[in-house]
Protein backbone atom coordinates (compact mmCIF):
# COMPACT_ATOMS: atom_id res chain seq x y z
CA MET A 1 -69.66 74.60 94.45
CA ALA A 2 -68.79 72.28 91.77
CA THR A 3 -68.26 73.52 88.25
CA VAL A 4 -68.71 71.79 85.06
CA ALA A 5 -64.76 70.85 84.30
CA GLN A 6 -65.40 68.50 87.54
CA ILE A 7 -68.59 66.58 86.93
CA VAL A 8 -67.11 65.72 83.75
CA LYS A 9 -64.19 64.81 85.53
CA ALA A 10 -65.67 62.36 87.67
CA SER A 11 -68.36 61.08 85.85
CA LEU A 12 -65.70 60.07 82.99
CA GLN A 13 -63.31 58.65 86.06
CA LYS A 14 -66.13 56.59 87.43
CA ILE A 15 -66.85 54.57 83.39
CA LEU A 16 -62.91 54.60 82.94
CA VAL A 17 -63.01 56.92 80.48
CA GLN A 18 -60.69 59.66 82.06
CA ALA A 19 -57.56 59.22 83.17
CA SER A 20 -57.02 61.33 87.19
CA GLU A 21 -54.01 63.59 84.96
CA ALA A 22 -55.56 63.36 81.90
CA ASP A 23 -57.14 67.18 81.00
CA ILE A 24 -60.25 66.53 79.12
CA GLU A 25 -60.36 67.35 75.54
CA ALA A 26 -62.97 70.09 74.09
CA SER A 27 -65.16 68.35 72.22
CA GLU A 28 -65.67 65.70 74.54
CA ALA A 29 -66.71 68.66 76.55
CA GLN A 30 -69.12 70.30 74.57
CA ASP A 31 -70.48 66.85 74.28
CA PHE A 32 -70.80 65.58 77.41
CA ILE A 33 -71.81 69.77 79.15
CA PHE A 34 -75.10 69.49 76.32
CA THR A 35 -75.86 65.90 77.44
CA MET A 36 -75.81 67.01 81.38
CA ASN A 37 -77.41 70.11 80.07
CA ASN A 38 -80.93 68.03 78.66
CA PHE A 39 -80.55 64.97 81.77
CA MET A 40 -81.59 68.05 84.49
CA LEU A 41 -83.27 70.53 81.45
CA ASP A 42 -85.73 66.63 81.38
CA LEU A 43 -85.42 66.50 85.67
CA ASP A 44 -86.80 70.14 85.32
CA ALA A 45 -89.68 69.79 83.31
CA ASN A 46 -90.60 66.27 85.01
CA GLY A 47 -90.58 68.00 88.61
CA VAL A 48 -87.79 67.63 90.14
CA THR A 49 -86.32 71.88 90.79
CA LEU A 50 -83.07 71.73 92.24
CA GLY A 51 -82.50 74.89 90.41
CA TYR A 52 -80.18 74.20 87.43
CA THR A 53 -78.85 76.36 85.10
CA ALA A 54 -77.40 75.87 81.69
CA VAL A 55 -74.18 76.06 81.54
CA SER A 56 -71.72 76.16 78.63
CA ASP A 57 -68.62 76.81 79.15
CA LEU A 58 -66.15 74.04 81.77
CA ALA A 59 -64.99 77.25 84.37
CA ASP A 60 -68.98 77.18 84.47
CA GLU A 61 -70.96 76.46 87.99
CA ILE A 62 -73.49 73.67 89.03
CA THR A 63 -76.19 75.64 89.79
CA ILE A 64 -77.84 72.74 92.98
CA PRO A 65 -77.98 71.98 96.15
CA THR A 66 -74.22 69.73 96.93
CA GLY A 67 -76.55 66.70 98.56
CA ALA A 68 -77.75 66.67 94.24
CA LEU A 69 -74.05 66.53 93.03
CA ARG A 70 -73.71 62.80 93.63
CA GLY A 71 -77.22 61.75 92.07
CA LEU A 72 -76.14 63.76 89.16
CA ILE A 73 -72.00 62.70 89.36
CA TYR A 74 -72.73 59.46 88.41
CA ASN A 75 -76.28 59.60 86.81
CA MET A 76 -74.36 61.78 84.01
CA ALA A 77 -71.46 58.84 83.77
CA VAL A 78 -74.52 56.16 82.72
CA GLU A 79 -76.14 58.94 81.06
CA ALA A 80 -72.82 59.10 79.28
CA ALA A 81 -71.57 56.18 79.06
CA PRO A 82 -72.71 54.85 75.89
CA GLU A 83 -71.36 58.12 73.52
CA TYR A 84 -67.65 57.71 75.61
CA ASN A 85 -67.68 53.73 75.07
CA GLY A 86 -68.11 53.75 78.70
CA THR A 87 -68.59 51.17 81.54
CA VAL A 88 -71.41 50.80 83.27
CA THR A 89 -70.95 48.10 85.85
CA ALA A 90 -74.03 47.38 88.22
CA ALA A 91 -72.61 48.70 91.21
CA LEU A 92 -72.29 52.34 90.01
CA ALA A 93 -75.97 51.86 88.20
CA GLN A 94 -77.61 51.69 91.64
CA ILE A 95 -75.10 53.67 93.13
CA ALA A 96 -77.15 56.36 89.55
CA LYS A 97 -80.01 54.47 90.55
CA GLU A 98 -79.63 56.03 94.78
CA GLY A 99 -78.59 59.53 93.39
CA LEU A 100 -82.00 59.99 91.43
CA GLN A 101 -83.26 59.46 94.67
CA THR A 102 -82.02 62.24 95.74
CA MET A 103 -82.29 65.33 94.07
CA ARG A 104 -86.01 63.51 93.11
CA LYS A 105 -85.45 63.81 97.73
CA ILE A 106 -84.20 67.31 97.45
CA GLY A 107 -86.00 68.31 93.65
CA GLN A 108 -90.38 67.85 95.14
CA PRO A 109 -91.46 70.81 95.77
CA LEU A 110 -94.08 71.31 98.64
CA GLY A 111 -97.64 72.83 98.86
CA ALA A 112 -99.05 75.37 101.28
CA THR A 113 -101.19 73.06 103.57
CA GLU A 114 -104.72 73.82 104.45
CA PHE A 115 -106.19 73.21 107.43
CA PRO A 116 -109.49 72.07 107.46
CA SER A 117 -112.19 73.67 108.73
CA THR A 118 -113.43 70.79 110.79
CA LEU A 119 -109.88 71.22 113.05
CA PRO A 120 -110.72 72.03 115.86
CA ILE A 121 -109.12 75.53 118.48
CA GLY A 122 -106.92 75.42 120.12
CA SER A 123 -105.04 77.24 123.20
CA GLY A 124 -104.18 80.39 121.56
CA ASN A 125 -106.65 81.40 119.04
CA GLN A 126 -108.80 84.22 121.27
CA GLN A 127 -108.58 87.11 122.51
CA GLY A 128 -109.57 88.51 125.71
CA GLY A 129 -111.54 85.48 126.80
CA VAL A 130 -113.92 85.42 123.43
CA CYS A 131 -112.37 83.25 120.70
CA LEU A 132 -112.44 85.08 116.87
CA SER A 133 -112.14 82.07 114.91
CA LYS A 134 -115.33 79.93 114.05
CA PHE A 135 -115.28 75.82 114.33
CA TYR A 136 -117.32 75.59 111.13
CA PRO A 137 -117.31 78.43 109.46
CA GLU A 138 -118.72 76.38 106.00
CA LEU A 139 -121.66 75.31 108.14
CA GLU A 140 -122.14 78.50 109.49
CA ALA A 141 -125.62 79.84 106.74
CA SER A 142 -127.20 76.48 107.58
CA ILE A 143 -127.50 76.58 111.22
CA LEU A 144 -128.71 79.91 110.76
CA ALA A 145 -131.10 79.76 108.22
CA GLU A 146 -133.30 76.88 110.78
CA THR A 147 -135.93 79.09 111.88
CA THR A 148 -136.60 76.86 114.99
CA GLY A 149 -133.90 77.24 117.11
CA SER A 150 -133.08 73.69 116.41
CA ILE A 151 -131.67 71.74 114.35
CA GLY A 152 -134.39 69.12 112.24
CA LEU A 153 -133.99 65.93 113.29
CA GLU A 154 -133.33 64.05 109.19
CA VAL A 155 -135.67 62.15 106.58
CA SER A 156 -133.71 58.53 107.80
CA THR A 157 -133.55 59.56 111.88
CA ASN A 158 -137.14 59.61 111.82
CA GLU A 159 -137.80 56.20 110.39
CA VAL A 160 -135.51 55.02 113.44
CA ALA A 161 -137.78 56.57 115.71
CA ASP A 162 -141.10 56.09 114.86
CA SER A 163 -139.97 52.24 114.34
């Protein structure tokens, strides 16, 4: 897992305000951490659930899937650029956009699958040669309510038949 220090350093290098050999200043780090927490919690509030836990120190681990790290680094570079007088190039903005799309894909919750009652019964849905599942369970009551044992024609069908 990546640490906050790695994200801070990588993001600030993207906007050309952090040299690779330079240490991160404590005041810069706290401002960045505050912005990153707000960015990630905003994503979570908008339905992009990546499992992010708010951080407070450079040594804290980032709790998002590895596939979302690139999006976090580049989007944080764009988010932090005005505060650090950094440069956002067109390429940086494009990579941040693509990274955000990836974060959305990873963080999009999938709903439970529901099968319609009109779904045919397939092979294996029987036990001992007897089918245990109903084909149209919501229509069972109306079919059983027919007194003659057959389903009557609809009004519009009778009119066509009389013509």
